[in-house]
Amino acid sequence: MTNGRQDRAIARVARSNTGVFTRGQARKQGFTDRQIAHRLQAGAWASVFPGVYRHAAAPPSPLLLHRAALAWTRPSAALSHRSAAAVWELDTASFPQRPEITVVGSRHPRSPSLIVHRTLAMKPGEFTVHHGWHVTSPTRTLIDLAAVCEIRDLETMVESARRRGLTSTQEIACRLDEIGGRGRLGATKLRTLLEFLEGRPAAESILEVRVARLLRAAAVPEPVRQHPVGVFGFNYRLDFAWPDQRVALECDGREFHDFQRDRVRWRRLVAAGWRIVPVTWLDVDTNWHTVVRELCATLSRAY
């Protein structure tokens, strides 16, 4: 049997990797094949993928499964699609129950616990490392997501990446032109979105992305997004503005706002002649038609 020092050593290895370690790492700590089999039979370790184990002290979780998937498939694979979106912390993204990986070349890992995508080649830099994760780049991740996401979620994540400076519409469009030939899933959808966003500032919140989509579908003039305005010596940016009418629609999501500061801001804008139409998540989810009607009335009175 192994001694306590070996058990403690492999436990430290597992702790450093979300509870996951490989057969090779166990052998490096001095475990023999027989001892490894004994640990698995005794329930001290559990097999996640061939040659990849979970320490019994680490409960199963999507995060652990993602670490195990990489341990099994690297170096010819990386987390991609929805899994990569979670690594990059794009808005609305979370680690899925089944990790998504992209494999380069002829390697053919199969497991019901994985979603495997294959590609013949990756451009240098499209496989990268972020916070210890082997993952597709933000640009490649968004191109891949276009094939598996609804347009609403795709726009939210594109805007999240743009806002944080992870990529740009030009960078995404350039790479999409290189690999997004006829028949590539999601390419047309993504191109249409990029054409609309080109030259427009990135939305600053999930709520703003949602409102922007709803405004595009409504019968209202197109607003200026992130419109700069100075009043009484203070400089502000308005989420959506109709400058000629001095009307602004402001997203009030609360999680990114300070109640008192926003009210002072709106008071100064109103005093300077602006009409403010605030919009909350509840408005968007249950009361949007009323918001549009009130916005149209405000715009018509402002002429």
C-alpha atoms as a PDB file:
ATOM      1  CA  MET A   1       0.000   0.000   0.000  1.00  0.00           C
ATOM      2  CA  THR A   2       1.085   3.589  -0.437  1.00  0.00           C
ATOM      3  CA  ASN A   3       2.240   5.591   2.500  1.00  0.00           C
ATOM      4  CA  GLY A   4       0.525   8.679   3.827  1.00  0.00           C
ATOM      5  CA  ARG A   5       3.032  10.985   2.176  1.00  0.00           C
ATOM      6  CA  GLN A   6       2.012   9.805  -1.303  1.00  0.00           C
ATOM      7  CA  ASP A   7      -1.689  10.178  -0.496  1.00  0.00           C
ATOM      8  CA  ARG A   8      -1.145  13.697   0.780  1.00  0.00           C
ATOM      9  CA  ALA A   9       0.930  14.580  -2.277  1.00  0.00           C
ATOM     10  CA  ILE A  10      -1.713  13.465  -4.773  1.00  0.00           C
ATOM     11  CA  ALA A  11      -4.381  15.251  -2.714  1.00  0.00           C
ATOM     12  CA  ARG A  12      -2.402  18.483  -3.125  1.00  0.00           C
ATOM     13  CA  VAL A  13      -2.161  17.889  -6.868  1.00  0.00           C
ATOM     14  CA  ALA A  14      -5.926  17.368  -7.017  1.00  0.00           C
ATOM     15  CA  ARG A  15      -6.642  20.491  -4.950  1.00  0.00           C
ATOM     16  CA  SER A  16      -4.610  22.600  -7.347  1.00  0.00           C
ATOM     17  CA  ASN A  17      -6.761  21.422 -10.263  1.00  0.00           C
ATOM     18  CA  THR A  18     -10.341  21.499  -8.917  1.00  0.00           C
ATOM     19  CA  GLY A  19     -10.045  17.933  -7.576  1.00  0.00           C
ATOM     20  CA  VAL A  20      -8.744  16.359 -10.799  1.00  0.00           C
ATOM     21  CA  PHE A  21      -5.500  14.536 -11.525  1.00  0.00           C
ATOM     22  CA  THR A  22      -4.196  12.129 -14.144  1.00  0.00           C
ATOM     23  CA  ARG A  23      -2.768   8.642 -14.067  1.00  0.00           C
ATOM     24  CA  GLY A  24       0.562  10.115 -15.075  1.00  0.00           C
ATOM     25  CA  GLN A  25       0.516  12.475 -12.094  1.00  0.00           C
ATOM     26  CA  ALA A  26      -0.307   9.580  -9.770  1.00  0.00           C
ATOM     27  CA  ARG A  27       2.562   7.535 -11.161  1.00  0.00           C
ATOM     28  CA  LYS A  28       4.862  10.524 -10.680  1.00  0.00           C
ATOM     29  CA  GLN A  29       3.962  10.493  -6.965  1.00  0.00           C
ATOM     30  CA  GLY A  30       4.979   6.831  -6.772  1.00  0.00           C
ATOM     31  CA  PHE A  31       1.661   5.010  -7.197  1.00  0.00           C
ATOM     32  CA  THR A  32       1.834   1.687  -9.024  1.00  0.00           C
ATOM     33  CA  ASP A  33      -0.881   0.397 -11.367  1.00  0.00           C
ATOM     34  CA  ARG A  34      -2.022  -1.977  -8.639  1.00  0.00           C
ATOM     35  CA  GLN A  35      -2.205   0.819  -6.060  1.00  0.00           C
ATOM     36  CA  ILE A  36      -4.137   3.021  -8.471  1.00  0.00           C
ATOM     37  CA  ALA A  37      -6.642   0.206  -9.058  1.00  0.00           C
ATOM     38  CA  HIS A  38      -6.986  -0.290  -5.305  1.00  0.00           C
ATOM     39  CA  ARG A  39      -7.741   3.407  -4.750  1.00  0.00           C
ATOM     40  CA  LEU A  40     -10.417   3.302  -7.447  1.00  0.00           C
ATOM     41  CA  GLN A  41     -12.003   0.138  -6.060  1.00  0.00           C
ATOM     42  CA  ALA A  42     -11.984   1.540  -2.538  1.00  0.00           C
ATOM     43  CA  GLY A  43     -13.708   4.755  -3.662  1.00  0.00           C
ATOM     44  CA  ALA A  44     -10.849   7.034  -2.631  1.00  0.00           C
ATOM     45  CA  TRP A  45     -10.614   8.078  -6.272  1.00  0.00           C
ATOM     46  CA  ALA A  46     -13.176   7.986  -9.084  1.00  0.00           C
ATOM     47  CA  SER A  47     -12.586   7.711 -12.817  1.00  0.00           C
ATOM     48  CA  VAL A  48     -13.891  10.681 -14.816  1.00  0.00           C
ATOM     49  CA  PHE A  49     -12.311   9.968 -18.212  1.00  0.00           C
ATOM     50  CA  PRO A  50      -9.769   7.307 -19.218  1.00  0.00           C
ATOM     51  CA  GLY A  51      -6.661   7.984 -17.155  1.00  0.00           C
ATOM     52  CA  VAL A  52      -8.239  11.019 -15.443  1.00  0.00           C
ATOM     53  CA  TYR A  53      -9.462  10.766 -11.856  1.00  0.00           C
ATOM     54  CA  ARG A  54     -11.404  12.735  -9.270  1.00  0.00           C
ATOM     55  CA  HIS A  55     -10.300  12.737  -5.639  1.00  0.00           C
ATOM     56  CA  ALA A  56     -13.130  11.621  -3.356  1.00  0.00           C
ATOM     57  CA  ALA A  57     -12.761  14.841  -1.352  1.00  0.00           C
ATOM     58  CA  ALA A  58     -13.839  16.851  -4.421  1.00  0.00           C
ATOM     59  CA  PRO A  59     -17.572  16.602  -5.218  1.00  0.00           C
ATOM     60  CA  PRO A  60     -18.603  16.289  -8.882  1.00  0.00           C
ATOM     61  CA  SER A  61     -19.432  19.603 -10.559  1.00  0.00           C
ATOM     62  CA  PRO A  62     -19.480  21.148 -14.046  1.00  0.00           C
ATOM     63  CA  LEU A  63     -16.250  22.981 -13.190  1.00  0.00           C
ATOM     64  CA  LEU A  64     -14.515  19.734 -12.211  1.00  0.00           C
ATOM     65  CA  LEU A  65     -15.791  18.003 -15.342  1.00  0.00           C
ATOM     66  CA  HIS A  66     -14.307  20.795 -17.475  1.00  0.00           C
ATOM     67  CA  ARG A  67     -10.916  20.397 -15.810  1.00  0.00           C
ATOM     68  CA  ALA A  68     -11.084  16.647 -16.343  1.00  0.00           C
ATOM     69  CA  ALA A  69     -12.047  17.068 -20.006  1.00  0.00           C
ATOM     70  CA  LEU A  70      -8.980  19.218 -20.621  1.00  0.00           C
ATOM     71  CA  ALA A  71      -6.733  16.803 -18.744  1.00  0.00           C
ATOM     72  CA  TRP A  72      -7.955  14.017 -21.046  1.00  0.00           C
ATOM     73  CA  THR A  73      -7.913  15.834 -24.409  1.00  0.00           C
ATOM     74  CA  ARG A  74      -4.997  18.283 -24.315  1.00  0.00           C
ATOM     75  CA  PRO A  75      -2.808  19.368 -26.054  1.00  0.00           C
ATOM     76  CA  SER A  76      -4.782  18.921 -29.290  1.00  0.00           C
ATOM     77  CA  ALA A  77      -8.023  20.321 -27.828  1.00  0.00           C
ATOM     78  CA  ALA A  78      -9.345  23.356 -25.993  1.00  0.00           C
ATOM     79  CA  LEU A  79     -12.589  24.398 -24.358  1.00  0.00           C
ATOM     80  CA  SER A  80     -14.797  26.091 -26.939  1.00  0.00           C
ATOM     81  CA  HIS A  81     -18.319  27.320 -27.659  1.00  0.00           C
ATOM     82  CA  ARG A  82     -20.422  27.685 -24.473  1.00  0.00           C
ATOM     83  CA  SER A  83     -17.624  26.348 -22.266  1.00  0.00           C
ATOM     84  CA  ALA A  84     -15.203  28.967 -23.605  1.00  0.00           C
ATOM     85  CA  ALA A  85     -17.819  31.689 -23.135  1.00  0.00           C
ATOM     86  CA  ALA A  86     -17.947  30.746 -19.443  1.00  0.00           C
ATOM     87  CA  VAL A  87     -14.153  30.879 -19.141  1.00  0.00           C
ATOM     88  CA  TRP A  88     -14.108  34.371 -20.675  1.00  0.00           C
ATOM     89  CA  GLU A  89     -16.984  35.327 -18.331  1.00  0.00           C
ATOM     90  CA  LEU A  90     -19.162  36.679 -21.121  1.00  0.00           C
ATOM     91  CA  ASP A  91     -22.536  37.996 -19.992  1.00  0.00           C
ATOM     92  CA  THR A  92     -25.171  35.236 -19.442  1.00  0.00           C
ATOM     93  CA  ALA A  93     -22.559  32.475 -19.914  1.00  0.00           C
ATOM     94  CA  SER A  94     -22.044  29.685 -17.376  1.00  0.00           C
ATOM     95  CA  PHE A  95     -20.246  26.341 -17.408  1.00  0.00           C
ATOM     96  CA  PRO A  96     -22.586  23.846 -19.116  1.00  0.00           C
ATOM     97  CA  GLN A  97     -23.237  20.393 -17.695  1.00  0.00           C
ATOM     98  CA  ARG A  98     -21.410  18.831 -20.664  1.00  0.00           C
ATOM     99  CA  PRO A  99     -18.086  20.491 -21.540  1.00  0.00           C
ATOM    100  CA  GLU A 100     -17.659  21.590 -25.148  1.00  0.00           C
ATOM    101  CA  ILE A 101     -14.225  21.132 -26.680  1.00  0.00           C
ATOM    102  CA  THR A 102     -12.760  21.684 -30.112  1.00  0.00           C
ATOM    103  CA  VAL A 103     -10.226  19.099 -31.289  1.00  0.00           C
ATOM    104  CA  VAL A 104      -7.660  19.818 -34.002  1.00  0.00           C
ATOM    105  CA  GLY A 105      -6.683  17.081 -36.417  1.00  0.00           C
ATOM    106  CA  SER A 106      -7.597  13.415 -36.433  1.00  0.00           C
ATOM    107  CA  ARG A 107      -7.828  12.792 -32.690  1.00  0.00           C
ATOM    108  CA  HIS A 108     -11.253  11.384 -31.907  1.00  0.00           C
ATOM    109  CA  PRO A 109     -12.148  11.471 -28.201  1.00  0.00           C
ATOM    110  CA  ARG A 110     -15.587  10.054 -27.503  1.00  0.00           C
ATOM    111  CA  SER A 111     -17.579  10.345 -24.302  1.00  0.00           C
ATOM    112  CA  PRO A 112     -21.262  10.895 -23.499  1.00  0.00           C
ATOM    113  CA  SER A 113     -20.040  13.481 -20.972  1.00  0.00           C
ATOM    114  CA  LEU A 114     -18.547  15.696 -23.710  1.00  0.00           C
ATOM    115  CA  ILE A 115     -19.661  17.669 -26.751  1.00  0.00           C
ATOM    116  CA  VAL A 116     -16.789  17.403 -29.239  1.00  0.00           C
ATOM    117  CA  HIS A 117     -16.314  19.754 -32.196  1.00  0.00           C
ATOM    118  CA  ARG A 118     -13.613  19.099 -34.773  1.00  0.00           C
ATOM    119  CA  THR A 119     -11.561  21.329 -37.022  1.00  0.00           C
ATOM    120  CA  LEU A 120      -8.722  20.644 -39.428  1.00  0.00           C
ATOM    121  CA  ALA A 121      -6.632  23.594 -38.299  1.00  0.00           C
ATOM    122  CA  MET A 122      -6.548  26.552 -35.955  1.00  0.00           C
ATOM    123  CA  LYS A 123      -4.976  29.925 -36.687  1.00  0.00           C
ATOM    124  CA  PRO A 124      -2.067  30.736 -34.332  1.00  0.00           C
ATOM    125  CA  GLY A 125      -3.484  32.342 -31.200  1.00  0.00           C
ATOM    126  CA  GLU A 126      -6.932  30.778 -31.504  1.00  0.00           C
ATOM    127  CA  PHE A 127      -5.966  28.271 -28.832  1.00  0.00           C
ATOM    128  CA  THR A 128      -4.822  30.252 -25.821  1.00  0.00           C
ATOM    129  CA  VAL A 129      -4.623  30.064 -22.025  1.00  0.00           C
ATOM    130  CA  HIS A 130      -6.814  32.213 -19.793  1.00  0.00           C
ATOM    131  CA  HIS A 131      -6.704  31.913 -16.003  1.00  0.00           C
ATOM    132  CA  GLY A 132      -5.222  28.437 -16.373  1.00  0.00           C
ATOM    133  CA  TRP A 133      -7.804  27.223 -18.877  1.00  0.00           C
ATOM    134  CA  HIS A 134      -6.817  26.014 -22.358  1.00  0.00           C
ATOM    135  CA  VAL A 135      -9.499  27.747 -24.378  1.00  0.00           C
ATOM    136  CA  THR A 136     -10.385  29.226 -27.760  1.00  0.00           C
ATOM    137  CA  SER A 137      -9.745  32.953 -28.177  1.00  0.00           C
ATOM    138  CA  PRO A 138     -12.630  35.392 -27.639  1.00  0.00           C
ATOM    139  CA  THR A 139     -12.927  36.016 -31.378  1.00  0.00           C
ATOM    140  CA  ARG A 140     -13.011  32.323 -32.266  1.00  0.00           C
ATOM    141  CA  THR A 141     -15.356  31.615 -29.351  1.00  0.00           C
ATOM    142  CA  LEU A 142     -17.928  34.112 -30.645  1.00  0.00           C
ATOM    143  CA  ILE A 143     -17.721  32.739 -34.191  1.00  0.00           C
ATOM    144  CA  ASP A 144     -18.295  29.237 -32.822  1.00  0.00           C
ATOM    145  CA  LEU A 145     -21.154  30.415 -30.603  1.00  0.00           C
ATOM    146  CA  ALA A 146     -23.024  31.726 -33.636  1.00  0.00           C
ATOM    147  CA  ALA A 147     -23.648  28.103 -34.624  1.00  0.00           C
ATOM    148  CA  VAL A 148     -25.174  27.063 -31.299  1.00  0.00           C
ATOM    149  CA  CYS A 149     -26.784  30.193 -29.756  1.00  0.00           C
ATOM    150  CA  GLU A 150     -29.951  32.135 -30.374  1.00  0.00           C
ATOM    151  CA  ILE A 151     -29.358  35.626 -31.762  1.00  0.00           C
ATOM    152  CA  ARG A 152     -30.437  37.239 -28.489  1.00  0.00           C
ATOM    153  CA  ASP A 153     -27.777  35.390 -26.474  1.00  0.00           C
ATOM    154  CA  LEU A 154     -25.173  35.834 -29.205  1.00  0.00           C
ATOM    155  CA  GLU A 155     -25.624  39.617 -29.244  1.00  0.00           C
ATOM    156  CA  THR A 156     -25.356  39.765 -25.460  1.00  0.00           C
ATOM    157  CA  MET A 157     -22.042  37.912 -25.527  1.00  0.00           C
ATOM    158  CA  VAL A 158     -20.630  39.860 -28.472  1.00  0.00           C
ATOM    159  CA  GLU A 159     -21.440  43.108 -26.673  1.00  0.00           C
ATOM    160  CA  SER A 160     -19.902  41.786 -23.452  1.00  0.00           C
ATOM    161  CA  ALA A 161     -16.661  40.929 -25.271  1.00  0.00           C
ATOM    162  CA  ARG A 162     -16.578  44.304 -27.040  1.00  0.00           C
ATOM    163  CA  ARG A 163     -17.210  46.241 -23.843  1.00  0.00           C
ATOM    164  CA  ARG A 164     -14.310  44.506 -22.105  1.00  0.00           C
ATOM    165  CA  GLY A 165     -11.949  44.980 -25.045  1.00  0.00           C
ATOM    166  CA  LEU A 166     -11.589  41.241 -25.712  1.00  0.00           C
ATOM    167  CA  THR A 167     -12.308  41.658 -29.437  1.00  0.00           C
ATOM    168  CA  SER A 168     -13.964  43.995 -31.937  1.00  0.00           C
ATOM    169  CA  THR A 169     -16.506  43.800 -34.721  1.00  0.00           C
ATOM    170  CA  GLN A 170     -13.697  44.248 -37.264  1.00  0.00           C
ATOM    171  CA  GLU A 171     -11.634  41.402 -35.782  1.00  0.00           C
ATOM    172  CA  ILE A 172     -14.601  39.037 -35.675  1.00  0.00           C
ATOM    173  CA  ALA A 173     -15.664  39.937 -39.219  1.00  0.00           C
ATOM    174  CA  CYS A 174     -12.137  39.467 -40.580  1.00  0.00           C
ATOM    175  CA  ARG A 175     -11.746  35.995 -39.092  1.00  0.00           C
ATOM    176  CA  LEU A 176     -15.300  35.047 -40.080  1.00  0.00           C
ATOM    177  CA  ASP A 177     -14.490  35.942 -43.691  1.00  0.00           C
ATOM    178  CA  GLU A 178     -11.516  33.568 -43.518  1.00  0.00           C
ATOM    179  CA  ILE A 179     -13.370  30.543 -42.153  1.00  0.00           C
ATOM    180  CA  GLY A 180     -17.068  31.294 -42.552  1.00  0.00           C
ATOM    181  CA  GLY A 181     -17.690  30.085 -46.053  1.00  0.00           C
ATOM    182  CA  ARG A 182     -20.961  28.881 -47.497  1.00  0.00           C
ATOM    183  CA  GLY A 183     -22.683  26.433 -45.205  1.00  0.00           C
ATOM    184  CA  ARG A 184     -20.946  27.413 -41.969  1.00  0.00           C
ATOM    185  CA  LEU A 185     -23.619  27.372 -39.290  1.00  0.00           C
ATOM    186  CA  GLY A 186     -24.434  30.768 -37.851  1.00  0.00           C
ATOM    187  CA  ALA A 187     -22.231  32.737 -40.265  1.00  0.00           C
ATOM    188  CA  THR A 188     -25.067  34.708 -41.867  1.00  0.00           C
ATOM    189  CA  LYS A 189     -26.600  35.473 -38.475  1.00  0.00           C
ATOM    190  CA  LEU A 190     -23.297  36.707 -37.096  1.00  0.00           C
ATOM    191  CA  ARG A 191     -22.478  38.818 -40.170  1.00  0.00           C
ATOM    192  CA  THR A 192     -25.849  40.555 -39.945  1.00  0.00           C
ATOM    193  CA  LEU A 193     -25.255  41.317 -36.266  1.00  0.00           C
ATOM    194  CA  LEU A 194     -21.728  42.617 -36.896  1.00  0.00           C
ATOM    195  CA  GLU A 195     -22.916  44.881 -39.702  1.00  0.00           C
ATOM    196  CA  PHE A 196     -25.448  46.444 -37.363  1.00  0.00           C
ATOM    197  CA  LEU A 197     -23.001  46.886 -34.472  1.00  0.00           C
ATOM    198  CA  GLU A 198     -20.173  48.286 -36.606  1.00  0.00           C
ATOM    199  CA  GLY A 199     -19.455  51.895 -35.608  1.00  0.00           C
ATOM    200  CA  ARG A 200     -21.743  51.752 -32.586  1.00  0.00           C
ATOM    201  CA  PRO A 201     -20.385  51.767 -29.024  1.00  0.00           C
ATOM    202  CA  ALA A 202     -20.748  48.538 -27.075  1.00  0.00           C
ATOM    203  CA  ALA A 203     -23.712  48.212 -24.748  1.00  0.00           C
ATOM    204  CA  GLU A 204     -22.783  48.592 -21.093  1.00  0.00           C
ATOM    205  CA  SER A 205     -25.111  45.979 -19.592  1.00  0.00           C
ATOM    206  CA  ILE A 206     -27.267  42.978 -20.421  1.00  0.00           C
ATOM    207  CA  LEU A 207     -30.341  45.145 -19.953  1.00  0.00           C
ATOM    208  CA  GLU A 208     -29.017  47.654 -22.479  1.00  0.00           C
ATOM    209  CA  VAL A 209     -28.504  44.896 -25.050  1.00  0.00           C
ATOM    210  CA  ARG A 210     -32.062  43.709 -24.515  1.00  0.00           C
ATOM    211  CA  VAL A 211     -33.488  47.226 -24.812  1.00  0.00           C
ATOM    212  CA  ALA A 212     -31.475  47.878 -27.977  1.00  0.00           C
ATOM    213  CA  ARG A 213     -32.992  44.791 -29.614  1.00  0.00           C
ATOM    214  CA  LEU A 214     -36.505  45.775 -28.575  1.00  0.00           C
ATOM    215  CA  LEU A 215     -36.040  49.326 -29.851  1.00  0.00           C
ATOM    216  CA  ARG A 216     -34.909  47.989 -33.236  1.00  0.00           C
ATOM    217  CA  ALA A 217     -38.161  46.043 -33.464  1.00  0.00           C
ATOM    218  CA  ALA A 218     -40.304  49.000 -32.363  1.00  0.00           C
ATOM    219  CA  ALA A 219     -41.689  51.716 -34.607  1.00  0.00           C
ATOM    220  CA  VAL A 220     -39.457  54.476 -33.214  1.00  0.00           C
ATOM    221  CA  PRO A 221     -36.648  56.503 -34.801  1.00  0.00           C
ATOM    222  CA  GLU A 222     -33.199  54.984 -34.303  1.00  0.00           C
ATOM    223  CA  PRO A 223     -31.553  56.481 -31.208  1.00  0.00           C
ATOM    224  CA  VAL A 224     -27.944  57.507 -30.650  1.00  0.00           C
ATOM    225  CA  ARG A 225     -26.321  55.047 -28.246  1.00  0.00           C
ATOM    226  CA  GLN A 226     -24.039  56.218 -25.438  1.00  0.00           C
ATOM    227  CA  HIS A 227     -24.676  59.855 -26.371  1.00  0.00           C
ATOM    228  CA  PRO A 228     -22.324  62.289 -24.535  1.00  0.00           C
ATOM    229  CA  VAL A 229     -23.904  65.376 -22.999  1.00  0.00           C
ATOM    230  CA  GLY A 230     -22.666  68.088 -20.664  1.00  0.00           C
ATOM    231  CA  VAL A 231     -25.007  69.843 -18.218  1.00  0.00           C
ATOM    232  CA  PHE A 232     -24.119  72.290 -15.427  1.00  0.00           C
ATOM    233  CA  GLY A 233     -20.466  71.386 -15.685  1.00  0.00           C
ATOM    234  CA  PHE A 234     -21.064  67.618 -15.497  1.00  0.00           C
ATOM    235  CA  ASN A 235     -20.453  65.155 -18.344  1.00  0.00           C
ATOM    236  CA  TYR A 236     -22.771  62.198 -18.824  1.00  0.00           C
ATOM    237  CA  ARG A 237     -23.483  59.490 -21.377  1.00  0.00           C
ATOM    238  CA  LEU A 238     -27.073  58.639 -22.172  1.00  0.00           C
ATOM    239  CA  ASP A 239     -27.907  54.995 -22.920  1.00  0.00           C
ATOM    240  CA  PHE A 240     -30.232  55.866 -25.808  1.00  0.00           C
ATOM    241  CA  ALA A 241     -30.815  59.445 -26.908  1.00  0.00           C
ATOM    242  CA  TRP A 242     -32.734  61.413 -29.487  1.00  0.00           C
ATOM    243  CA  PRO A 243     -30.637  64.615 -29.278  1.00  0.00           C
ATOM    244  CA  ASP A 244     -32.779  66.774 -31.561  1.00  0.00           C
ATOM    245  CA  GLN A 245     -35.786  66.133 -29.308  1.00  0.00           C
ATOM    246  CA  ARG A 246     -33.685  66.095 -26.111  1.00  0.00           C
ATOM    247  CA  VAL A 247     -35.240  62.765 -25.115  1.00  0.00           C
ATOM    248  CA  ALA A 248     -33.300  59.953 -23.469  1.00  0.00           C
ATOM    249  CA  LEU A 249     -34.192  56.394 -22.560  1.00  0.00           C
ATOM    250  CA  GLU A 250     -32.132  55.211 -19.581  1.00  0.00           C
ATOM    251  CA  CYS A 251     -31.683  51.580 -18.474  1.00  0.00           C
ATOM    252  CA  ASP A 252     -32.158  51.231 -14.717  1.00  0.00           C
ATOM    253  CA  GLY A 253     -30.871  47.738 -13.943  1.00  0.00           C
ATOM    254  CA  ARG A 254     -29.906  48.631 -10.359  1.00  0.00           C
ATOM    255  CA  GLU A 255     -27.105  46.053 -10.143  1.00  0.00           C
ATOM    256  CA  PHE A 256     -24.786  48.516 -11.912  1.00  0.00           C
ATOM    257  CA  HIS A 257     -26.390  51.702 -10.664  1.00  0.00           C
ATOM    258  CA  ASP A 258     -26.328  53.901  -7.611  1.00  0.00           C
ATOM    259  CA  PHE A 259     -29.889  54.998  -6.809  1.00  0.00           C
ATOM    260  CA  GLN A 260     -29.030  58.434  -5.396  1.00  0.00           C
ATOM    261  CA  ARG A 261     -26.374  59.233  -8.002  1.00  0.00           C
ATOM    262  CA  ASP A 262     -28.728  58.327 -10.851  1.00  0.00           C
ATOM    263  CA  ARG A 263     -31.508  60.510  -9.471  1.00  0.00           C
ATOM    264  CA  VAL A 264     -29.171  63.484  -9.171  1.00  0.00           C
ATOM    265  CA  ARG A 265     -27.984  62.816 -12.713  1.00  0.00           C
ATOM    266  CA  TRP A 266     -31.531  62.643 -14.067  1.00  0.00           C
ATOM    267  CA  ARG A 267     -32.529  65.774 -12.119  1.00  0.00           C
ATOM    268  CA  ARG A 268     -29.704  67.758 -13.731  1.00  0.00           C
ATOM    269  CA  LEU A 269     -30.606  66.467 -17.177  1.00  0.00           C
ATOM    270  CA  VAL A 270     -34.275  67.381 -16.708  1.00  0.00           C
ATOM    271  CA  ALA A 271     -33.290  70.823 -15.473  1.00  0.00           C
ATOM    272  CA  ALA A 272     -31.251  71.244 -18.658  1.00  0.00           C
ATOM    273  CA  GLY A 273     -34.295  70.429 -20.784  1.00  0.00           C
ATOM    274  CA  TRP A 274     -33.985  66.691 -21.301  1.00  0.00           C
ATOM    275  CA  ARG A 275     -36.945  64.324 -20.970  1.00  0.00           C
ATOM    276  CA  ILE A 276     -35.939  61.022 -19.334  1.00  0.00           C
ATOM    277  CA  VAL A 277     -37.742  57.720 -19.905  1.00  0.00           C
ATOM    278  CA  PRO A 278     -36.361  55.158 -17.402  1.00  0.00           C
ATOM    279  CA  VAL A 279     -36.645  51.431 -18.187  1.00  0.00           C
ATOM    280  CA  THR A 280     -36.233  48.537 -15.729  1.00  0.00           C
ATOM    281  CA  TRP A 281     -36.018  44.773 -16.197  1.00  0.00           C
ATOM    282  CA  LEU A 282     -39.676  44.505 -15.156  1.00  0.00           C
ATOM    283  CA  ASP A 283     -40.607  46.977 -17.900  1.00  0.00           C
ATOM    284  CA  VAL A 284     -38.727  44.927 -20.486  1.00  0.00           C
ATOM    285  CA  ASP A 285     -40.197  41.612 -19.369  1.00  0.00           C
ATOM    286  CA  THR A 286     -43.823  42.576 -18.798  1.00  0.00           C
ATOM    287  CA  ASN A 287     -44.516  46.155 -19.819  1.00  0.00           C
ATOM    288  CA  TRP A 288     -42.600  46.901 -23.002  1.00  0.00           C
ATOM    289  CA  HIS A 289     -45.568  47.937 -25.152  1.00  0.00           C
ATOM    290  CA  THR A 290     -46.452  50.577 -22.568  1.00  0.00           C
ATOM    291  CA  VAL A 291     -42.858  51.831 -22.539  1.00  0.00           C
ATOM    292  CA  VAL A 292     -42.876  52.183 -26.334  1.00  0.00           C
ATOM    293  CA  ARG A 293     -46.196  54.034 -26.254  1.00  0.00           C
ATOM    294  CA  GLU A 294     -44.908  56.437 -23.600  1.00  0.00           C
ATOM    295  CA  LEU A 295     -41.612  56.906 -25.461  1.00  0.00           C
ATOM    296  CA  CYS A 296     -43.443  57.735 -28.696  1.00  0.00           C
ATOM    297  CA  ALA A 297     -45.640  60.219 -26.842  1.00  0.00           C
ATOM    298  CA  THR A 298     -42.571  61.845 -25.298  1.00  0.00           C
ATOM    299  CA  LEU A 299     -40.848  62.110 -28.670  1.00  0.00           C
ATOM    300  CA  SER A 300     -43.936  63.604 -30.325  1.00  0.00           C
ATOM    301  CA  ARG A 301     -44.317  66.252 -27.616  1.00  0.00           C
ATOM    302  CA  ALA A 302     -40.648  67.177 -27.929  1.00  0.00           C
ATOM    303  CA  TYR A 303     -40.942  68.391 -31.529  1.00  0.00           C
END
